Protein backbone atom coordinates (compact mmCIF):
# COMPACT_ATOMS: atom_id res chain seq x y z
CA MET A 1 25.62 9.58 -12.99
CA ASP A 2 23.84 6.77 -11.20
CA ASP A 3 21.11 7.79 -8.76
CA ASP A 4 21.70 5.64 -5.69
CA ARG A 5 18.97 7.25 -3.57
CA PRO A 6 16.18 5.01 -2.29
CA ASP A 7 13.28 4.99 -4.72
CA VAL A 8 10.80 4.81 -1.85
CA LEU A 9 11.10 5.89 1.78
CA LEU A 10 8.59 4.54 4.30
CA THR A 11 7.84 4.58 7.99
CA GLY A 12 4.90 3.35 10.04
CA LEU A 13 3.59 0.63 12.31
CA LEU A 14 4.24 -2.99 11.42
CA PHE A 15 1.92 -5.87 12.33
CA TYR A 16 2.07 -9.63 12.19
CA ASP A 17 -1.10 -10.52 10.27
CA LEU A 18 -3.09 -13.74 10.55
CA VAL A 19 -5.77 -13.70 7.84
CA LEU A 20 -8.69 -16.12 7.77
CA THR A 21 -10.61 -16.37 4.48
CA GLY A 22 -13.60 -18.32 3.20
CA LEU A 23 -16.05 -17.34 5.94
CA GLY A 24 -19.60 -18.01 4.90
CA LYS A 25 -20.82 -15.44 7.41
CA PRO A 26 -19.42 -13.46 10.33
CA PRO A 27 -19.23 -15.38 13.64
CA THR A 28 -21.63 -14.63 16.47
CA PRO A 29 -20.85 -14.89 20.20
CA GLY A 30 -20.55 -18.49 21.29
CA GLU A 31 -20.26 -19.77 17.71
CA GLU A 32 -17.33 -21.53 16.05
CA ILE A 33 -16.83 -21.19 12.30
CA TRP A 34 -14.33 -23.23 10.30
CA THR A 35 -12.71 -21.33 7.46
CA GLY A 36 -11.57 -22.47 4.06
CA GLY A 37 -8.32 -20.54 3.94
CA MET A 38 -5.61 -18.91 6.01
CA GLY A 39 -2.41 -16.96 5.51
CA CYS A 40 0.13 -15.16 7.67
CA GLY A 41 2.85 -12.60 7.17
CA PRO A 42 3.94 -9.01 7.78
CA GLY A 43 1.22 -6.36 7.62
CA GLY A 44 0.65 -2.67 8.24
CA ILE A 45 3.45 -0.57 6.74
CA ALA A 46 4.93 -3.79 5.31
CA ASN A 47 2.09 -3.83 2.76
CA LEU A 48 3.49 -0.73 1.07
CA ALA A 49 7.11 -1.80 1.42
CA VAL A 50 6.68 -5.23 -0.13
CA ALA A 51 4.45 -3.95 -2.93
CA ALA A 52 7.08 -1.36 -3.86
CA SER A 53 10.03 -3.72 -3.61
CA ARG A 54 8.34 -6.33 -5.80
CA PHE A 55 8.26 -3.76 -8.60
CA GLY A 56 12.03 -3.42 -8.36
CA LEU A 57 12.06 -0.19 -6.38
CA ARG A 58 14.87 0.39 -3.87
CA THR A 59 12.80 0.50 -0.72
CA SER A 60 13.92 1.84 2.67
CA LEU A 61 11.66 1.10 5.65
CA ALA A 62 11.85 2.63 9.13
CA THR A 63 9.71 0.64 11.55
CA VAL A 64 9.84 -1.04 14.95
CA PHE A 65 10.07 -4.80 15.46
CA GLY A 66 9.26 -6.43 18.76
CA ASP A 67 11.90 -8.69 20.31
CA ASP A 68 9.64 -11.73 19.90
CA PHE A 69 8.93 -14.48 17.40
CA TYR A 70 6.59 -12.29 15.35
CA GLY A 71 9.10 -9.46 15.07
CA GLU A 72 11.95 -11.78 14.14
CA TYR A 73 9.84 -13.53 11.52
CA CYS A 74 8.67 -10.26 9.95
CA ARG A 75 12.24 -8.88 9.88
CA ASP A 76 13.51 -12.02 8.15
CA VAL A 77 10.76 -11.88 5.52
CA LEU A 78 11.23 -8.21 4.74
CA CYS A 79 15.03 -8.20 4.70
CA ASP A 80 16.02 -11.63 3.42
CA GLN A 81 13.04 -12.54 1.24
CA GLU A 82 11.85 -9.16 -0.04
CA ASP A 83 15.19 -7.28 -0.17
CA ILE A 84 13.96 -4.24 1.79
CA ASP A 85 16.51 -1.95 3.45
CA LEU A 86 15.84 -1.99 7.22
CA SER A 87 18.83 0.10 8.30
CA LEU A 88 16.47 2.78 9.68
CA SER A 89 14.41 0.23 11.64
CA ARG A 90 14.86 -0.80 15.28
CA THR A 91 14.09 -3.78 17.49
CA ALA A 92 12.51 -2.78 20.81
CA ASP A 93 13.42 -4.79 23.89
CA GLY A 94 10.39 -5.98 25.83
CA TRP A 95 7.87 -4.63 23.34
CA PRO A 96 5.58 -7.17 21.63
CA THR A 97 5.02 -6.92 17.89
CA PRO A 98 1.37 -6.00 17.25
CA VAL A 99 -0.69 -8.93 15.98
CA THR A 100 -3.83 -8.58 13.87
CA VAL A 101 -6.37 -11.30 13.12
CA SER A 102 -8.31 -10.46 9.96
CA LEU A 103 -11.63 -12.16 9.19
CA ALA A 104 -12.08 -11.67 5.45
CA GLN A 105 -15.57 -11.90 4.01
CA GLY A 106 -16.66 -10.67 0.61
CA HIS A 107 -15.24 -7.27 -0.27
CA ASP A 108 -14.39 -6.33 3.32
CA ARG A 109 -12.95 -7.75 6.53
CA ALA A 110 -13.14 -7.39 10.30
CA LEU A 111 -9.94 -6.86 12.27
CA VAL A 112 -8.96 -7.69 15.84
CA THR A 113 -5.56 -6.39 16.97
CA HIS A 114 -3.42 -6.92 20.04
CA GLY A 115 -0.68 -4.36 20.58
CA SER A 116 0.46 -1.02 21.93
CA GLU A 117 2.18 2.12 20.67
CA PRO A 118 5.84 1.47 19.77
CA PRO A 119 8.56 3.02 21.97
CA PHE A 120 10.01 4.95 19.00
CA SER A 121 8.04 7.56 17.06
CA GLN A 122 8.21 8.01 13.29
CA ASP A 123 10.22 11.21 13.78
CA ALA A 124 12.68 9.41 16.08
CA LEU A 125 13.15 6.60 13.56
CA MET A 126 13.66 8.96 10.63
CA GLY A 127 15.67 11.73 12.30
CA ASP A 128 17.01 13.65 9.32
CA PRO A 129 15.59 11.41 6.60
CA PRO A 130 17.87 10.28 3.80
CA GLU A 131 17.33 11.82 0.39
CA ALA A 132 14.92 9.64 -1.55
CA ARG A 133 13.12 9.90 -4.87
CA THR A 134 9.71 9.39 -3.24
CA ALA A 135 8.17 8.85 0.17
CA LEU A 136 4.88 7.06 0.76
CA VAL A 137 3.22 8.55 3.82
CA HIS A 138 0.01 8.30 5.80
CA LEU A 139 -1.26 11.73 6.83
CA GLU A 140 -2.51 12.11 10.40
CA ALA A 141 -4.06 14.97 12.35
CA GLU A 142 -0.73 15.72 14.03
CA PRO A 143 1.86 16.50 11.30
CA ARG A 144 5.09 14.49 11.31
CA GLU A 145 8.27 16.56 11.24
CA TRP A 146 10.13 14.10 9.04
CA ILE A 147 7.70 14.65 6.16
CA SER A 148 8.56 18.35 5.88
CA LYS A 149 12.27 17.48 6.08
CA ALA A 150 11.88 14.92 3.30
CA ALA A 151 10.00 17.38 1.11
CA ALA A 152 12.75 19.94 1.71
CA ASN A 153 15.26 17.33 0.49
CA GLY A 154 13.47 17.22 -2.86
CA THR A 155 11.64 13.96 -2.10
CA HIS A 156 8.27 13.68 -3.84
CA VAL A 157 5.75 12.85 -1.13
CA TYR A 158 2.85 10.56 -2.09
CA ALA A 159 0.24 10.59 0.68
CA ASP A 160 -2.90 8.77 1.67
CA VAL A 161 -5.14 9.18 4.71
CA GLY A 162 -7.22 6.89 6.91
CA TRP A 163 -10.72 6.84 8.29
CA ASP A 164 -11.33 9.50 10.95
CA PRO A 165 -12.85 7.70 13.96
CA THR A 166 -14.10 11.05 15.32
CA GLN A 167 -15.84 11.68 11.98
CA GLN A 168 -14.95 15.37 12.30
CA TRP A 169 -12.92 15.23 9.06
CA SER A 170 -11.01 18.38 9.96
CA THR A 171 -9.99 20.28 6.87
CA ASP A 172 -6.85 21.32 8.75
CA LEU A 173 -5.36 17.99 7.67
CA LEU A 174 -5.47 19.16 4.07
CA ASP A 175 -2.98 21.89 4.97
CA GLN A 176 -0.33 19.16 4.89
CA LEU A 177 -0.90 18.71 1.16
CA LYS A 178 1.38 21.69 0.52
CA LEU A 179 4.24 19.26 1.28
CA CYS A 180 2.91 16.59 -1.08
CA HIS A 181 3.37 15.80 -4.75
CA ALA A 182 0.39 13.44 -4.82
CA PHE A 183 -2.62 12.57 -2.66
CA LEU A 184 -4.46 9.24 -3.01
CA PRO A 185 -7.49 8.99 -0.69
CA ASN A 186 -10.43 6.68 -1.24
CA GLU A 187 -13.81 8.01 -2.29
CA SER A 188 -15.35 8.18 1.19
CA GLU A 189 -12.32 9.95 2.67
CA ALA A 190 -12.01 12.36 -0.24
CA MET A 191 -15.66 13.44 -0.08
CA ALA A 192 -15.60 13.77 3.72
CA TYR A 193 -12.50 15.97 3.83
CA THR A 194 -13.60 18.17 0.92
CA ARG A 195 -17.27 18.37 1.97
CA THR A 196 -18.39 17.22 -1.49
CA ASP A 197 -20.92 14.62 -2.62
CA SER A 198 -19.11 12.76 -5.41
CA ALA A 199 -15.66 11.42 -6.20
CA ARG A 200 -15.29 13.76 -9.17
CA ALA A 201 -16.27 16.81 -7.15
CA ALA A 202 -13.79 15.82 -4.45
CA LEU A 203 -11.12 15.34 -7.10
CA GLY A 204 -11.75 18.85 -8.39
CA THR A 205 -11.20 20.34 -4.95
CA LEU A 206 -8.09 18.26 -4.23
CA SER A 207 -6.53 19.06 -7.60
CA GLU A 208 -6.30 22.68 -6.47
CA LEU A 209 -4.27 21.65 -3.41
CA VAL A 210 -1.76 19.13 -4.75
CA PRO A 211 -0.08 18.55 -8.16
CA VAL A 212 -1.40 14.99 -8.57
CA ALA A 213 -4.76 14.01 -7.08
CA VAL A 214 -6.18 10.48 -7.20
CA VAL A 215 -9.46 9.22 -5.77
CA THR A 216 -9.88 5.45 -5.56
CA ARG A 217 -13.41 4.09 -5.90
CA GLY A 218 -13.16 0.40 -5.04
CA GLY A 219 -15.32 -1.58 -7.45
CA ASP A 220 -15.79 1.54 -9.60
CA GLY A 221 -12.09 2.03 -10.33
CA ALA A 222 -10.29 5.33 -9.86
CA VAL A 223 -10.14 8.91 -11.16
CA ALA A 224 -7.15 11.23 -11.21
CA VAL A 225 -5.84 14.63 -12.31
CA ASP A 226 -2.19 15.50 -12.92
CA GLN A 227 -1.80 19.27 -12.94
CA THR A 228 1.87 18.99 -13.95
CA THR A 229 0.92 17.45 -17.30
CA GLY A 230 -2.69 18.60 -17.69
CA GLU A 231 -3.95 15.00 -17.81
CA TYR A 232 -7.25 13.60 -16.51
CA ALA A 233 -8.01 9.87 -16.29
CA ASP A 234 -10.99 7.75 -15.23
CA VAL A 235 -10.47 3.99 -15.33
CA PRO A 236 -12.76 1.13 -14.30
CA ALA A 237 -11.94 -1.64 -11.87
CA LEU A 238 -11.34 -5.16 -13.12
CA ASP A 239 -13.98 -7.84 -12.68
CA ILE A 240 -12.12 -9.94 -10.12
CA ASP A 241 -13.39 -12.23 -7.37
CA VAL A 242 -12.27 -10.86 -4.00
CA LEU A 243 -10.74 -13.32 -1.54
CA ASP A 244 -9.22 -10.77 0.85
CA ALA A 245 -9.17 -6.99 0.39
CA THR A 246 -6.48 -6.43 3.05
CA GLY A 247 -3.81 -4.05 1.78
CA ALA A 248 -5.35 -3.44 -1.65
CA GLY A 249 -5.12 0.33 -1.19
CA ASP A 250 -1.45 0.02 -0.24
CA VAL A 251 -0.73 -2.03 -3.36
CA PHE A 252 -2.53 0.61 -5.42
CA GLY A 253 -0.37 3.38 -3.95
CA ALA A 254 2.94 1.56 -4.38
CA SER A 255 2.06 0.59 -7.95
CA PHE A 256 1.09 4.16 -8.82
CA VAL A 257 4.47 5.34 -7.50
CA ALA A 258 6.32 2.68 -9.51
CA ALA A 259 4.57 3.76 -12.72
CA SER A 260 5.10 7.44 -11.88
CA LEU A 261 8.83 6.92 -11.43
CA GLY A 262 8.79 5.35 -14.88
CA GLY A 263 7.33 8.53 -16.33
CA TRP A 264 4.18 6.85 -17.67
CA PRO A 265 1.11 8.80 -18.86
CA LEU A 266 -1.56 9.26 -16.19
CA GLU A 267 -4.04 6.77 -17.65
CA GLU A 268 -1.36 4.07 -17.76
CA ARG A 269 -0.34 4.84 -14.17
CA LEU A 270 -3.93 4.57 -13.03
CA ARG A 271 -4.71 1.37 -14.96
CA PHE A 272 -1.52 -0.24 -13.68
CA ALA A 273 -2.39 0.59 -10.07
CA VAL A 274 -5.96 -0.68 -10.48
CA LEU A 275 -4.62 -3.91 -11.99
CA ALA A 276 -2.05 -4.53 -9.26
CA ALA A 277 -4.59 -3.84 -6.51
CA GLY A 278 -7.07 -6.14 -8.22
CA LEU A 279 -4.56 -8.97 -8.47
CA SER A 280 -3.69 -8.58 -4.78
CA VAL A 281 -7.23 -9.27 -3.53
CA GLN A 282 -7.10 -12.77 -5.00
CA ARG A 283 -4.62 -13.84 -2.31
CA PRO A 284 -4.84 -13.76 1.51
CA GLY A 285 -2.97 -11.12 3.48
CA GLY A 286 -1.72 -7.68 2.59
CA ALA A 287 2.05 -7.55 2.05
CA LEU A 288 2.61 -10.99 0.56
CA ALA A 289 -0.41 -10.72 -1.75
CA ALA A 290 1.33 -7.98 -3.76
CA PRO A 291 1.76 -9.30 -7.33
CA GLY A 292 4.98 -7.57 -8.36
CA TRP A 293 6.18 -7.74 -11.93
CA TYR A 294 5.87 -11.54 -11.81
CA GLY A 295 2.13 -11.44 -11.12
CA VAL A 296 1.43 -8.68 -13.64
CA GLU A 297 3.39 -10.50 -16.35
CA ARG A 298 1.48 -13.75 -15.71
CA TRP A 299 -1.85 -11.91 -15.94
CA TRP A 300 -0.84 -10.20 -19.18
CA ARG A 301 0.38 -13.41 -20.84
CA SER A 302 -2.83 -15.25 -19.93
CA LEU A 303 -5.16 -12.45 -21.05
CA THR A 304 -7.65 -13.35 -23.80
CA ASP A 305 -10.32 -10.63 -23.43
CA PRO A 306 -9.85 -8.36 -26.48
CA ASP A 307 -11.11 -5.24 -24.71
CA LEU A 308 -8.71 -5.70 -21.79
CA LYS A 309 -5.94 -6.61 -24.22
CA SER A 310 -6.47 -3.27 -25.91
CA ALA A 311 -6.87 -1.23 -22.69
CA TYR A 312 -3.72 -2.74 -21.19
CA GLY A 313 -1.74 -2.95 -24.43
CA PHE A 314 0.81 -0.54 -22.96
CA LEU A 315 2.10 -3.41 -20.79
CA ALA A 316 3.72 -4.98 -23.84
CA ASP A 317 6.25 -2.13 -23.76
CA ARG A 318 6.34 -1.61 -19.99
CA LEU A 319 6.96 -5.14 -18.69
CA PRO A 320 10.64 -5.85 -17.94
CA ASP A 321 12.41 -8.50 -20.00
CA ASP A 322 12.87 -10.48 -16.77
CA PRO A 323 9.87 -10.21 -14.41
CA GLY A 324 11.80 -12.11 -11.76
CA PRO A 325 11.09 -15.37 -9.95
CA PRO A 326 7.66 -16.32 -8.61
CA VAL A 327 6.70 -14.19 -5.62
CA ALA A 328 6.22 -15.83 -2.23
CA TYR A 329 2.59 -15.67 -1.16
CA ALA A 330 1.43 -15.82 2.45
CA PRO A 331 2.08 -19.23 4.01
CA ILE A 332 -0.54 -20.91 6.17
CA THR A 333 1.95 -20.96 9.03
CA PRO A 334 5.49 -19.56 9.24
CA PRO A 335 8.01 -22.05 7.89
CA ALA A 336 10.05 -23.90 10.50
CA ARG A 337 13.57 -22.62 11.02
CA GLN A 338 16.34 -24.77 9.63
CA SER A 339 18.61 -25.96 12.42
């Protein structure tokens, strides 16, 4: 029997992103700096949605669009270009779509955002969430009701977490892991929440709280434990020049889910996610930098390094026969509407 459930269920705040790259140094007050690159497109929760959809996953997104140019543009890109189901999303009258300007420099970026809280909460958008194979969620101090409903439906919840601006790192947040199948924080977050002093120590603590624990380590790769299979994996990052790191963690998460749904061994899942995230930082923007099968296939076919060819040899059997058409990367400005 065909499984027609969404592969991935998502909700969160959407942004219109304007990303400036090629800064030689950060600007100072009163100074004007000309940049060498620019890109625009959907951001925020769209990073996860596009990354998942480009790996062929049926992706359902519940978000709020403003009734302005930015909201209309983002809706068109996500629905018409990226084939994402927006039936759970809403357009809010009189509410402006949040806009973020990202100044990318080296391995990090500075963000300036204009916006306000949307008029519909995540729980209001989701209601009784549809049954889905997985949900990608962002854990916050205040638990979302829809996540427990999704878990009760049999949905495997893959969660990450953000930086705590209070720097209290309340361990109460970890109580939500009882609803989760997997948890994928970065190294700093993992150590802060577990009160440990290394990624591996944090992983050990988290692996007692959730079936699959992953700790991402930026330029040092990622480590993971899967208690359901008894596997442990530690993989290095790729040596890739970083143009814009926006959304790399989201691409990692979506790629890990795609490989997990395929039933891959843990090391393959982790290497695949590290690769996809690495490919994404070579392009400006978050959502539209996601490589999808097209980008992974191009990288694999052009690979000459024998060590990488061996480490990623599993791709020869994992790549689809048809990786699809070239993906659309972030344009410098939104294309003009055809009259």
